[in-house]
């Protein structure tokens, strides 16, 4: 009671009605909360509408027997088995190249690079590369990997274009994950006599690993749905691959990195550019499969991130 009397007395001395002030703050808080709630609900509704529309249009075709296992070159009921394999194969090669490079670059920038103009220039270059349009990356990949290096329209050319697209994103994600590790853990490890490399390898990377893995999986989902950069590098020609082939130089060998490949996203673009009867049904079926894969990547990222964080915390 004494504190309330004192607060009212202070308010009176300042010429402010504290009750009205508290009520006004409460109204402002409710209004702000309501506006933010409406914005979040609109975003979620928009996302759910897009996903639901695509699934309703294409899930029937996607669940058709043979659609996921039949070649697109089949005479009857063509499917997307080749596109599914090529999409995951190209993603695997892209991550195989980009993850070690990004991990090394981010570790160097956070733990070893001096704070000077060169480091700032490198950070600016990474930010610039991460905002480049994918069509520009594809044009550069066509000029350099396809023509200059002589790789032609191939899986490796497409994977390198995706690597250029993916490295800046991964570097930023891994940088943030390493910077979020408390400074006290670094200091404690160094105080115990560990070298900087031992501190990075045994303390920082394990602590940041949940965020790093989450970022890698999310970036994989983004790369998985990329199309513009691949049109110029890996091509849009469907190949009837033969898993029984032992000739790695054969254009039908699935593991030949110098053969052309058509991913799910590029397949959608190509079919929309060819208004043949029956294409729309295949396009929506392919879109449904693609969006399901991207959603699974995001779910997997959350599950792995939580599992790794729980494991690291328990240990």
C-alpha atoms as a PDB file:
ATOM      1  CA  UNK A   1       0.000   0.000   0.000  1.00  0.00           C
ATOM      2  CA  UNK A   2       2.828   2.310   0.869  1.00  0.00           C
ATOM      3  CA  UNK A   3       4.557   1.607  -2.455  1.00  0.00           C
ATOM      4  CA  UNK A   4       1.338   2.317  -4.392  1.00  0.00           C
ATOM      5  CA  UNK A   5       0.859   5.574  -2.484  1.00  0.00           C
ATOM      6  CA  UNK A   6       4.458   6.508  -3.194  1.00  0.00           C
ATOM      7  CA  UNK A   7       4.059   5.704  -6.949  1.00  0.00           C
ATOM      8  CA  UNK A   8       0.902   7.797  -7.161  1.00  0.00           C
ATOM      9  CA  UNK A   9       2.604  10.620  -5.308  1.00  0.00           C
ATOM     10  CA  UNK A  10       5.540  10.491  -7.760  1.00  0.00           C
ATOM     11  CA  UNK A  11       3.077  10.475 -10.674  1.00  0.00           C
ATOM     12  CA  UNK A  12       1.256  13.459  -9.254  1.00  0.00           C
ATOM     13  CA  UNK A  13       4.524  15.283  -8.738  1.00  0.00           C
ATOM     14  CA  UNK A  14       5.400  14.649 -12.401  1.00  0.00           C
ATOM     15  CA  UNK A  15       1.954  15.591 -13.599  1.00  0.00           C
ATOM     16  CA  UNK A  16       1.258  12.068 -14.900  1.00  0.00           C
ATOM     17  CA  UNK A  17      -1.750   9.892 -14.116  1.00  0.00           C
ATOM     18  CA  UNK A  18      -0.138   6.500 -13.620  1.00  0.00           C
ATOM     19  CA  UNK A  19      -3.424   4.586 -13.973  1.00  0.00           C
ATOM     20  CA  UNK A  20      -4.104   6.141 -17.358  1.00  0.00           C
ATOM     21  CA  UNK A  21      -0.486   5.584 -18.346  1.00  0.00           C
ATOM     22  CA  UNK A  22      -0.651   1.874 -17.451  1.00  0.00           C
ATOM     23  CA  UNK A  23      -3.942   1.478 -19.321  1.00  0.00           C
ATOM     24  CA  UNK A  24      -2.529   3.217 -22.393  1.00  0.00           C
ATOM     25  CA  UNK A  25       0.568   0.981 -22.368  1.00  0.00           C
ATOM     26  CA  UNK A  26      -1.693  -2.068 -22.058  1.00  0.00           C
ATOM     27  CA  UNK A  27      -3.804  -0.976 -25.036  1.00  0.00           C
ATOM     28  CA  UNK A  28      -0.684  -0.349 -27.136  1.00  0.00           C
ATOM     29  CA  UNK A  29       0.648  -3.788 -26.209  1.00  0.00           C
ATOM     30  CA  UNK A  30      -2.616  -5.497 -27.172  1.00  0.00           C
ATOM     31  CA  UNK A  31      -2.769  -3.607 -30.476  1.00  0.00           C
ATOM     32  CA  UNK A  32       0.850  -4.479 -31.324  1.00  0.00           C
ATOM     33  CA  UNK A  33       0.293  -8.126 -30.371  1.00  0.00           C
ATOM     34  CA  UNK A  34      -2.846  -8.264 -32.505  1.00  0.00           C
ATOM     35  CA  UNK A  35      -1.117  -6.760 -35.547  1.00  0.00           C
ATOM     36  CA  UNK A  36       1.843  -9.151 -35.265  1.00  0.00           C
ATOM     37  CA  UNK A  37      -0.530 -12.091 -34.818  1.00  0.00           C
ATOM     38  CA  UNK A  38      -2.439 -11.125 -37.963  1.00  0.00           C
ATOM     39  CA  UNK A  39       0.822 -10.813 -39.944  1.00  0.00           C
ATOM     40  CA  UNK A  40       2.073 -14.228 -38.807  1.00  0.00           C
ATOM     41  CA  UNK A  41      -1.321 -15.800 -39.473  1.00  0.00           C
ATOM     42  CA  UNK A  42      -1.380 -14.293 -42.979  1.00  0.00           C
ATOM     43  CA  UNK A  43       2.099 -15.651 -43.755  1.00  0.00           C
ATOM     44  CA  UNK A  44       1.201 -19.116 -42.461  1.00  0.00           C
ATOM     45  CA  UNK A  45      -2.102 -19.078 -44.346  1.00  0.00           C
ATOM     46  CA  UNK A  46      -0.344 -18.046 -47.557  1.00  0.00           C
ATOM     47  CA  UNK A  47       2.239 -20.819 -47.194  1.00  0.00           C
ATOM     48  CA  UNK A  48      -0.397 -23.410 -46.331  1.00  0.00           C
ATOM     49  CA  UNK A  49      -2.520 -22.309 -49.294  1.00  0.00           C
ATOM     50  CA  UNK A  50       0.376 -22.671 -51.745  1.00  0.00           C
ATOM     51  CA  UNK A  51       1.350 -26.101 -50.417  1.00  0.00           C
ATOM     52  CA  UNK A  52      -2.265 -27.305 -50.293  1.00  0.00           C
ATOM     53  CA  UNK A  53      -2.992 -26.062 -53.819  1.00  0.00           C
ATOM     54  CA  UNK A  54       0.040 -27.858 -55.276  1.00  0.00           C
ATOM     55  CA  UNK A  55      -0.682 -31.065 -53.379  1.00  0.00           C
ATOM     56  CA  UNK A  56      -4.346 -31.077 -54.381  1.00  0.00           C
ATOM     57  CA  UNK A  57      -3.432 -30.508 -58.030  1.00  0.00           C
ATOM     58  CA  UNK A  58      -0.565 -32.977 -58.207  1.00  0.00           C
ATOM     59  CA  UNK A  59      -0.784 -35.554 -55.453  1.00  0.00           C
ATOM     60  CA  UNK A  60      -3.185 -37.698 -57.436  1.00  0.00           C
ATOM     61  CA  UNK A  61      -0.691 -37.980 -60.281  1.00  0.00           C
ATOM     62  CA  UNK A  62       2.247 -38.381 -57.900  1.00  0.00           C
ATOM     63  CA  UNK A  63       0.570 -41.392 -56.292  1.00  0.00           C
ATOM     64  CA  UNK A  64      -0.213 -43.004 -59.636  1.00  0.00           C
ATOM     65  CA  UNK A  65       1.438 -46.444 -59.820  1.00  0.00           C
ATOM     66  CA  UNK A  66       4.706 -46.225 -61.732  1.00  0.00           C
ATOM     67  CA  UNK A  67       4.964 -42.424 -61.760  1.00  0.00           C
ATOM     68  CA  UNK A  68       7.909 -42.416 -59.350  1.00  0.00           C
ATOM     69  CA  UNK A  69       9.601 -45.464 -60.855  1.00  0.00           C
ATOM     70  CA  UNK A  70       9.064 -45.075 -64.609  1.00  0.00           C
ATOM     71  CA  UNK A  71      11.435 -43.306 -66.979  1.00  0.00           C
ATOM     72  CA  UNK A  72      10.230 -40.026 -68.552  1.00  0.00           C
ATOM     73  CA  UNK A  73      11.074 -41.543 -71.943  1.00  0.00           C
ATOM     74  CA  UNK A  74       8.640 -44.433 -71.509  1.00  0.00           C
ATOM     75  CA  UNK A  75       6.134 -44.774 -74.345  1.00  0.00           C
ATOM     76  CA  UNK A  76       3.205 -45.205 -71.972  1.00  0.00           C
ATOM     77  CA  UNK A  77       2.648 -43.458 -68.639  1.00  0.00           C
ATOM     78  CA  UNK A  78       5.998 -41.618 -68.442  1.00  0.00           C
ATOM     79  CA  UNK A  79       7.266 -41.003 -64.926  1.00  0.00           C
ATOM     80  CA  UNK A  80      10.021 -39.076 -63.183  1.00  0.00           C
ATOM     81  CA  UNK A  81      12.358 -41.781 -61.867  1.00  0.00           C
ATOM     82  CA  UNK A  82      15.355 -40.357 -63.750  1.00  0.00           C
ATOM     83  CA  UNK A  83      14.659 -36.817 -62.514  1.00  0.00           C
ATOM     84  CA  UNK A  84      14.419 -37.984 -58.902  1.00  0.00           C
ATOM     85  CA  UNK A  85      17.743 -39.820 -59.121  1.00  0.00           C
ATOM     86  CA  UNK A  86      19.484 -36.955 -60.929  1.00  0.00           C
ATOM     87  CA  UNK A  87      18.217 -34.415 -58.385  1.00  0.00           C
ATOM     88  CA  UNK A  88      19.541 -36.343 -55.390  1.00  0.00           C
ATOM     89  CA  UNK A  89      22.766 -37.327 -57.165  1.00  0.00           C
ATOM     90  CA  UNK A  90      23.544 -33.723 -58.104  1.00  0.00           C
ATOM     91  CA  UNK A  91      22.667 -32.576 -54.591  1.00  0.00           C
ATOM     92  CA  UNK A  92      25.062 -35.159 -53.128  1.00  0.00           C
ATOM     93  CA  UNK A  93      27.930 -33.993 -55.348  1.00  0.00           C
ATOM     94  CA  UNK A  94      27.157 -30.359 -54.573  1.00  0.00           C
ATOM     95  CA  UNK A  95      27.240 -30.942 -50.812  1.00  0.00           C
ATOM     96  CA  UNK A  96      30.348 -33.107 -51.133  1.00  0.00           C
ATOM     97  CA  UNK A  97      32.174 -30.135 -52.671  1.00  0.00           C
ATOM     98  CA  UNK A  98      30.588 -27.174 -50.901  1.00  0.00           C
ATOM     99  CA  UNK A  99      30.408 -28.349 -47.274  1.00  0.00           C
ATOM    100  CA  UNK A 100      34.184 -28.840 -46.668  1.00  0.00           C
ATOM    101  CA  UNK A 101      35.026 -25.576 -48.460  1.00  0.00           C
ATOM    102  CA  UNK A 102      32.371 -23.627 -46.572  1.00  0.00           C
ATOM    103  CA  UNK A 103      33.360 -25.151 -43.228  1.00  0.00           C
ATOM    104  CA  UNK A 104      37.019 -24.284 -43.773  1.00  0.00           C
ATOM    105  CA  UNK A 105      36.278 -20.754 -44.981  1.00  0.00           C
ATOM    106  CA  UNK A 106      33.891 -19.985 -42.113  1.00  0.00           C
ATOM    107  CA  UNK A 107      36.289 -21.386 -39.510  1.00  0.00           C
ATOM    108  CA  UNK A 108      39.138 -19.304 -40.891  1.00  0.00           C
ATOM    109  CA  UNK A 109      37.098 -16.099 -40.991  1.00  0.00           C
ATOM    110  CA  UNK A 110      35.814 -16.531 -37.423  1.00  0.00           C
ATOM    111  CA  UNK A 111      38.858 -17.955 -35.640  1.00  0.00           C
ATOM    112  CA  UNK A 112      41.993 -17.164 -37.623  1.00  0.00           C
ATOM    113  CA  UNK A 113      41.497 -14.211 -39.968  1.00  0.00           C
ATOM    114  CA  UNK A 114      42.828 -10.872 -38.663  1.00  0.00           C
ATOM    115  CA  UNK A 115      40.401  -7.987 -38.395  1.00  0.00           C
ATOM    116  CA  UNK A 116      41.659  -5.944 -41.347  1.00  0.00           C
ATOM    117  CA  UNK A 117      40.535  -4.711 -44.760  1.00  0.00           C
ATOM    118  CA  UNK A 118      41.192  -8.077 -46.436  1.00  0.00           C
ATOM    119  CA  UNK A 119      38.844  -9.904 -44.061  1.00  0.00           C
ATOM    120  CA  UNK A 120      36.169  -7.249 -44.487  1.00  0.00           C
ATOM    121  CA  UNK A 121      36.564  -7.450 -48.269  1.00  0.00           C
ATOM    122  CA  UNK A 122      36.168 -11.251 -48.107  1.00  0.00           C
ATOM    123  CA  UNK A 123      33.009 -10.905 -45.996  1.00  0.00           C
ATOM    124  CA  UNK A 124      31.602  -8.361 -48.451  1.00  0.00           C
ATOM    125  CA  UNK A 125      32.396 -10.658 -51.378  1.00  0.00           C
ATOM    126  CA  UNK A 126      30.599 -13.554 -49.662  1.00  0.00           C
ATOM    127  CA  UNK A 127      27.536 -11.395 -49.020  1.00  0.00           C
ATOM    128  CA  UNK A 128      27.552 -10.266 -52.654  1.00  0.00           C
ATOM    129  CA  UNK A 129      27.811 -13.827 -53.955  1.00  0.00           C
ATOM    130  CA  UNK A 130      24.952 -14.970 -51.711  1.00  0.00           C
ATOM    131  CA  UNK A 131      22.661 -12.378 -53.310  1.00  0.00           C
ATOM    132  CA  UNK A 132      23.552 -13.114 -56.932  1.00  0.00           C
ATOM    133  CA  UNK A 133      20.599 -14.223 -59.069  1.00  0.00           C
ATOM    134  CA  UNK A 134      20.817 -17.920 -59.868  1.00  0.00           C
ATOM    135  CA  UNK A 135      20.388 -17.201 -63.583  1.00  0.00           C
ATOM    136  CA  UNK A 136      23.631 -15.186 -63.486  1.00  0.00           C
ATOM    137  CA  UNK A 137      25.415 -18.058 -61.744  1.00  0.00           C
ATOM    138  CA  UNK A 138      24.099 -20.394 -64.429  1.00  0.00           C
ATOM    139  CA  UNK A 139      25.363 -18.140 -67.229  1.00  0.00           C
ATOM    140  CA  UNK A 140      28.817 -17.982 -65.636  1.00  0.00           C
ATOM    141  CA  UNK A 141      28.789 -21.761 -65.141  1.00  0.00           C
ATOM    142  CA  UNK A 142      27.883 -22.217 -68.797  1.00  0.00           C
ATOM    143  CA  UNK A 143      30.747 -20.001 -69.914  1.00  0.00           C
ATOM    144  CA  UNK A 144      33.393 -21.351 -67.537  1.00  0.00           C
ATOM    145  CA  UNK A 145      32.575 -24.971 -66.667  1.00  0.00           C
ATOM    146  CA  UNK A 146      30.773 -25.980 -69.862  1.00  0.00           C
ATOM    147  CA  UNK A 147      32.809 -24.077 -72.473  1.00  0.00           C
ATOM    148  CA  UNK A 148      36.168 -23.026 -71.005  1.00  0.00           C
ATOM    149  CA  UNK A 149      36.887 -26.206 -69.032  1.00  0.00           C
ATOM    150  CA  UNK A 150      35.262 -28.326 -71.735  1.00  0.00           C
ATOM    151  CA  UNK A 151      33.013 -30.310 -69.416  1.00  0.00           C
ATOM    152  CA  UNK A 152      30.011 -29.761 -71.654  1.00  0.00           C
ATOM    153  CA  UNK A 153      26.418 -29.971 -70.476  1.00  0.00           C
ATOM    154  CA  UNK A 154      26.952 -32.347 -67.585  1.00  0.00           C
ATOM    155  CA  UNK A 155      26.203 -33.238 -63.976  1.00  0.00           C
ATOM    156  CA  UNK A 156      29.570 -31.960 -62.756  1.00  0.00           C
ATOM    157  CA  UNK A 157      29.033 -28.595 -64.458  1.00  0.00           C
ATOM    158  CA  UNK A 158      25.618 -28.307 -62.817  1.00  0.00           C
ATOM    159  CA  UNK A 159      26.996 -29.374 -59.434  1.00  0.00           C
ATOM    160  CA  UNK A 160      29.753 -26.757 -59.658  1.00  0.00           C
ATOM    161  CA  UNK A 161      27.196 -24.069 -60.504  1.00  0.00           C
ATOM    162  CA  UNK A 162      25.125 -25.123 -57.500  1.00  0.00           C
ATOM    163  CA  UNK A 163      28.314 -25.125 -55.401  1.00  0.00           C
ATOM    164  CA  UNK A 164      28.923 -21.483 -56.326  1.00  0.00           C
ATOM    165  CA  UNK A 165      25.345 -20.794 -55.336  1.00  0.00           C
ATOM    166  CA  UNK A 166      25.580 -22.774 -52.076  1.00  0.00           C
ATOM    167  CA  UNK A 167      28.998 -21.839 -50.652  1.00  0.00           C
ATOM    168  CA  UNK A 168      28.158 -18.220 -49.690  1.00  0.00           C
ATOM    169  CA  UNK A 169      24.970 -19.376 -47.946  1.00  0.00           C
ATOM    170  CA  UNK A 170      26.762 -22.109 -46.012  1.00  0.00           C
ATOM    171  CA  UNK A 171      29.657 -19.827 -45.053  1.00  0.00           C
ATOM    172  CA  UNK A 172      27.243 -17.319 -43.524  1.00  0.00           C
ATOM    173  CA  UNK A 173      25.347 -20.060 -41.675  1.00  0.00           C
ATOM    174  CA  UNK A 174      28.498 -21.684 -40.269  1.00  0.00           C
ATOM    175  CA  UNK A 175      29.974 -18.297 -39.351  1.00  0.00           C
ATOM    176  CA  UNK A 176      26.883 -17.446 -37.337  1.00  0.00           C
ATOM    177  CA  UNK A 177      26.904 -20.864 -35.657  1.00  0.00           C
ATOM    178  CA  UNK A 178      30.550 -20.469 -34.575  1.00  0.00           C
ATOM    179  CA  UNK A 179      30.036 -16.894 -33.397  1.00  0.00           C
ATOM    180  CA  UNK A 180      27.101 -17.992 -31.242  1.00  0.00           C
ATOM    181  CA  UNK A 181      29.361 -20.276 -29.176  1.00  0.00           C
ATOM    182  CA  UNK A 182      30.000 -18.457 -25.849  1.00  0.00           C
ATOM    183  CA  UNK A 183      33.380 -16.771 -25.568  1.00  0.00           C
ATOM    184  CA  UNK A 184      33.881 -18.424 -22.184  1.00  0.00           C
ATOM    185  CA  UNK A 185      34.213 -21.837 -23.837  1.00  0.00           C
ATOM    186  CA  UNK A 186      37.058 -20.580 -26.032  1.00  0.00           C
ATOM    187  CA  UNK A 187      38.806 -18.955 -23.103  1.00  0.00           C
ATOM    188  CA  UNK A 188      38.431 -22.042 -20.917  1.00  0.00           C
ATOM    189  CA  UNK A 189      39.883 -24.329 -23.594  1.00  0.00           C
ATOM    190  CA  UNK A 190      42.832 -22.012 -24.239  1.00  0.00           C
ATOM    191  CA  UNK A 191      43.438 -21.644 -20.494  1.00  0.00           C
ATOM    192  CA  UNK A 192      43.726 -25.430 -20.228  1.00  0.00           C
ATOM    193  CA  UNK A 193      46.613 -25.349 -22.708  1.00  0.00           C
ATOM    194  CA  UNK A 194      44.800 -26.362 -25.896  1.00  0.00           C
ATOM    195  CA  UNK A 195      46.009 -24.836 -29.122  1.00  0.00           C
ATOM    196  CA  UNK A 196      43.674 -22.765 -31.256  1.00  0.00           C
ATOM    197  CA  UNK A 197      43.188 -25.662 -33.687  1.00  0.00           C
ATOM    198  CA  UNK A 198      42.466 -28.102 -30.831  1.00  0.00           C
ATOM    199  CA  UNK A 199      40.000 -25.612 -29.363  1.00  0.00           C
ATOM    200  CA  UNK A 200      38.282 -25.269 -32.719  1.00  0.00           C
ATOM    201  CA  UNK A 201      38.160 -29.009 -33.350  1.00  0.00           C
ATOM    202  CA  UNK A 202      37.241 -30.284 -29.893  1.00  0.00           C
ATOM    203  CA  UNK A 203      35.205 -27.404 -28.431  1.00  0.00           C
ATOM    204  CA  UNK A 204      33.826 -24.946 -30.977  1.00  0.00           C
ATOM    205  CA  UNK A 205      32.803 -27.284 -33.808  1.00  0.00           C
ATOM    206  CA  UNK A 206      30.996 -29.790 -31.521  1.00  0.00           C
ATOM    207  CA  UNK A 207      29.166 -26.939 -29.777  1.00  0.00           C
ATOM    208  CA  UNK A 208      28.141 -25.361 -33.085  1.00  0.00           C
ATOM    209  CA  UNK A 209      27.389 -28.647 -34.857  1.00  0.00           C
ATOM    210  CA  UNK A 210      23.573 -28.642 -34.294  1.00  0.00           C
ATOM    211  CA  UNK A 211      23.235 -25.223 -35.944  1.00  0.00           C
ATOM    212  CA  UNK A 212      25.697 -26.194 -38.688  1.00  0.00           C
ATOM    213  CA  UNK A 213      23.829 -29.392 -39.574  1.00  0.00           C
ATOM    214  CA  UNK A 214      20.508 -27.555 -39.546  1.00  0.00           C
ATOM    215  CA  UNK A 215      21.897 -24.920 -41.925  1.00  0.00           C
ATOM    216  CA  UNK A 216      23.358 -27.550 -44.255  1.00  0.00           C
ATOM    217  CA  UNK A 217      20.078 -29.458 -44.529  1.00  0.00           C
ATOM    218  CA  UNK A 218      18.051 -26.273 -45.105  1.00  0.00           C
ATOM    219  CA  UNK A 219      20.495 -25.111 -47.793  1.00  0.00           C
ATOM    220  CA  UNK A 220      20.224 -28.575 -49.362  1.00  0.00           C
ATOM    221  CA  UNK A 221      16.478 -28.075 -49.668  1.00  0.00           C
ATOM    222  CA  UNK A 222      17.026 -24.741 -51.360  1.00  0.00           C
ATOM    223  CA  UNK A 223      19.584 -26.167 -53.787  1.00  0.00           C
ATOM    224  CA  UNK A 224      17.354 -29.186 -54.460  1.00  0.00           C
ATOM    225  CA  UNK A 225      14.671 -26.939 -55.951  1.00  0.00           C
ATOM    226  CA  UNK A 226      17.025 -24.796 -58.048  1.00  0.00           C
ATOM    227  CA  UNK A 227      16.376 -24.668 -61.786  1.00  0.00           C
ATOM    228  CA  UNK A 228      17.727 -21.511 -63.440  1.00  0.00           C
ATOM    229  CA  UNK A 229      21.409 -22.299 -62.845  1.00  0.00           C
ATOM    230  CA  UNK A 230      20.983 -25.864 -64.150  1.00  0.00           C
ATOM    231  CA  UNK A 231      19.287 -25.022 -67.426  1.00  0.00           C
ATOM    232  CA  UNK A 232      22.614 -23.676 -68.728  1.00  0.00           C
ATOM    233  CA  UNK A 233      24.911 -26.252 -67.120  1.00  0.00           C
ATOM    234  CA  UNK A 234      23.385 -29.712 -66.622  1.00  0.00           C
ATOM    235  CA  UNK A 235      20.788 -29.293 -69.349  1.00  0.00           C
ATOM    236  CA  UNK A 236      17.158 -30.254 -69.728  1.00  0.00           C
ATOM    237  CA  UNK A 237      17.473 -33.465 -71.716  1.00  0.00           C
ATOM    238  CA  UNK A 238      16.054 -36.573 -70.092  1.00  0.00           C
ATOM    239  CA  UNK A 239      18.343 -39.626 -70.242  1.00  0.00           C
ATOM    240  CA  UNK A 240      17.117 -43.191 -69.989  1.00  0.00           C
ATOM    241  CA  UNK A 241      19.749 -44.292 -67.462  1.00  0.00           C
ATOM    242  CA  UNK A 242      20.714 -47.917 -67.042  1.00  0.00           C
ATOM    243  CA  UNK A 243      21.773 -49.006 -63.548  1.00  0.00           C
ATOM    244  CA  UNK A 244      23.164 -52.234 -64.969  1.00  0.00           C
ATOM    245  CA  UNK A 245      25.740 -50.345 -67.026  1.00  0.00           C
ATOM    246  CA  UNK A 246      29.358 -50.792 -65.866  1.00  0.00           C
ATOM    247  CA  UNK A 247      30.820 -48.305 -68.361  1.00  0.00           C
ATOM    248  CA  UNK A 248      31.366 -45.059 -66.444  1.00  0.00           C
ATOM    249  CA  UNK A 249      31.871 -43.159 -69.690  1.00  0.00           C
ATOM    250  CA  UNK A 250      28.504 -44.207 -71.067  1.00  0.00           C
ATOM    251  CA  UNK A 251      25.868 -41.447 -71.237  1.00  0.00           C
ATOM    252  CA  UNK A 252      23.385 -43.950 -69.822  1.00  0.00           C
ATOM    253  CA  UNK A 253      25.520 -44.827 -66.783  1.00  0.00           C
ATOM    254  CA  UNK A 254      23.810 -43.184 -63.792  1.00  0.00           C
ATOM    255  CA  UNK A 255      27.128 -42.421 -62.034  1.00  0.00           C
ATOM    256  CA  UNK A 256      28.774 -40.746 -65.033  1.00  0.00           C
ATOM    257  CA  UNK A 257      29.295 -37.134 -63.887  1.00  0.00           C
ATOM    258  CA  UNK A 258      29.920 -35.976 -67.469  1.00  0.00           C
ATOM    259  CA  UNK A 259      26.500 -36.955 -68.790  1.00  0.00           C
ATOM    260  CA  UNK A 260      23.605 -34.473 -69.055  1.00  0.00           C
ATOM    261  CA  UNK A 261      20.965 -34.601 -66.361  1.00  0.00           C
ATOM    262  CA  UNK A 262      17.511 -33.203 -65.770  1.00  0.00           C
ATOM    263  CA  UNK A 263      16.386 -32.416 -62.228  1.00  0.00           C
ATOM    264  CA  UNK A 264      12.815 -32.199 -60.987  1.00  0.00           C
ATOM    265  CA  UNK A 265      12.737 -28.392 -61.116  1.00  0.00           C
ATOM    266  CA  UNK A 266      14.173 -28.290 -64.644  1.00  0.00           C
ATOM    267  CA  UNK A 267      11.716 -30.996 -65.704  1.00  0.00           C
ATOM    268  CA  UNK A 268       8.829 -28.765 -64.576  1.00  0.00           C
ATOM    269  CA  UNK A 269      10.227 -25.823 -66.541  1.00  0.00           C
ATOM    270  CA  UNK A 270      10.751 -27.910 -69.683  1.00  0.00           C
ATOM    271  CA  UNK A 271       7.260 -29.386 -69.659  1.00  0.00           C
ATOM    272  CA  UNK A 272       5.699 -25.945 -69.205  1.00  0.00           C
ATOM    273  CA  UNK A 273       7.678 -24.745 -72.229  1.00  0.00           C
ATOM    274  CA  UNK A 274       6.320 -27.677 -74.269  1.00  0.00           C
ATOM    275  CA  UNK A 275       2.492 -27.420 -74.228  1.00  0.00           C
ATOM    276  CA  UNK A 276       1.879 -31.042 -75.162  1.00  0.00           C
ATOM    277  CA  UNK A 277      -1.427 -32.722 -74.184  1.00  0.00           C
ATOM    278  CA  UNK A 278      -0.995 -34.458 -70.833  1.00  0.00           C
ATOM    279  CA  UNK A 279       1.980 -32.344 -69.750  1.00  0.00           C
ATOM    280  CA  UNK A 280       0.044 -30.338 -67.178  1.00  0.00           C
ATOM    281  CA  UNK A 281      -0.817 -33.441 -65.208  1.00  0.00           C
ATOM    282  CA  UNK A 282       2.831 -34.512 -65.136  1.00  0.00           C
ATOM    283  CA  UNK A 283       3.932 -30.975 -64.193  1.00  0.00           C
ATOM    284  CA  UNK A 284       1.649 -30.839 -61.165  1.00  0.00           C
ATOM    285  CA  UNK A 285       2.640 -34.355 -60.127  1.00  0.00           C
ATOM    286  CA  UNK A 286       6.317 -33.421 -60.364  1.00  0.00           C
ATOM    287  CA  UNK A 287       5.676 -30.189 -58.437  1.00  0.00           C
ATOM    288  CA  UNK A 288       3.965 -32.162 -55.671  1.00  0.00           C
ATOM    289  CA  UNK A 289       6.941 -34.523 -55.386  1.00  0.00           C
ATOM    290  CA  UNK A 290       9.363 -31.595 -55.368  1.00  0.00           C
ATOM    291  CA  UNK A 291       7.542 -29.668 -52.651  1.00  0.00           C
ATOM    292  CA  UNK A 292       7.215 -32.794 -50.511  1.00  0.00           C
ATOM    293  CA  UNK A 293      10.975 -33.325 -50.774  1.00  0.00           C
ATOM    294  CA  UNK A 294      11.674 -29.701 -49.787  1.00  0.00           C
ATOM    295  CA  UNK A 295       9.297 -29.972 -46.819  1.00  0.00           C
ATOM    296  CA  UNK A 296      11.014 -33.173 -45.744  1.00  0.00           C
ATOM    297  CA  UNK A 297      14.383 -31.394 -45.880  1.00  0.00           C
ATOM    298  CA  UNK A 298      13.068 -28.722 -43.514  1.00  0.00           C
ATOM    299  CA  UNK A 299      11.540 -31.276 -41.146  1.00  0.00           C
ATOM    300  CA  UNK A 300      14.774 -33.268 -41.202  1.00  0.00           C
ATOM    301  CA  UNK A 301      16.749 -30.114 -40.379  1.00  0.00           C
ATOM    302  CA  UNK A 302      14.640 -29.448 -37.283  1.00  0.00           C
ATOM    303  CA  UNK A 303      14.772 -33.070 -36.122  1.00  0.00           C
ATOM    304  CA  UNK A 304      18.546 -33.368 -36.601  1.00  0.00           C
ATOM    305  CA  UNK A 305      19.169 -29.985 -34.996  1.00  0.00           C
ATOM    306  CA  UNK A 306      17.151 -30.876 -31.898  1.00  0.00           C
ATOM    307  CA  UNK A 307      18.669 -34.366 -31.658  1.00  0.00           C
ATOM    308  CA  UNK A 308      22.236 -33.064 -31.936  1.00  0.00           C
ATOM    309  CA  UNK A 309      21.579 -30.232 -29.491  1.00  0.00           C
ATOM    310  CA  UNK A 310      20.139 -32.720 -26.986  1.00  0.00           C
ATOM    311  CA  UNK A 311      23.095 -35.052 -27.443  1.00  0.00           C
ATOM    312  CA  UNK A 312      25.671 -32.281 -27.084  1.00  0.00           C
ATOM    313  CA  UNK A 313      23.921 -30.903 -24.002  1.00  0.00           C
ATOM    314  CA  UNK A 314      23.672 -34.282 -22.328  1.00  0.00           C
ATOM    315  CA  UNK A 315      27.320 -34.970 -22.961  1.00  0.00           C
END
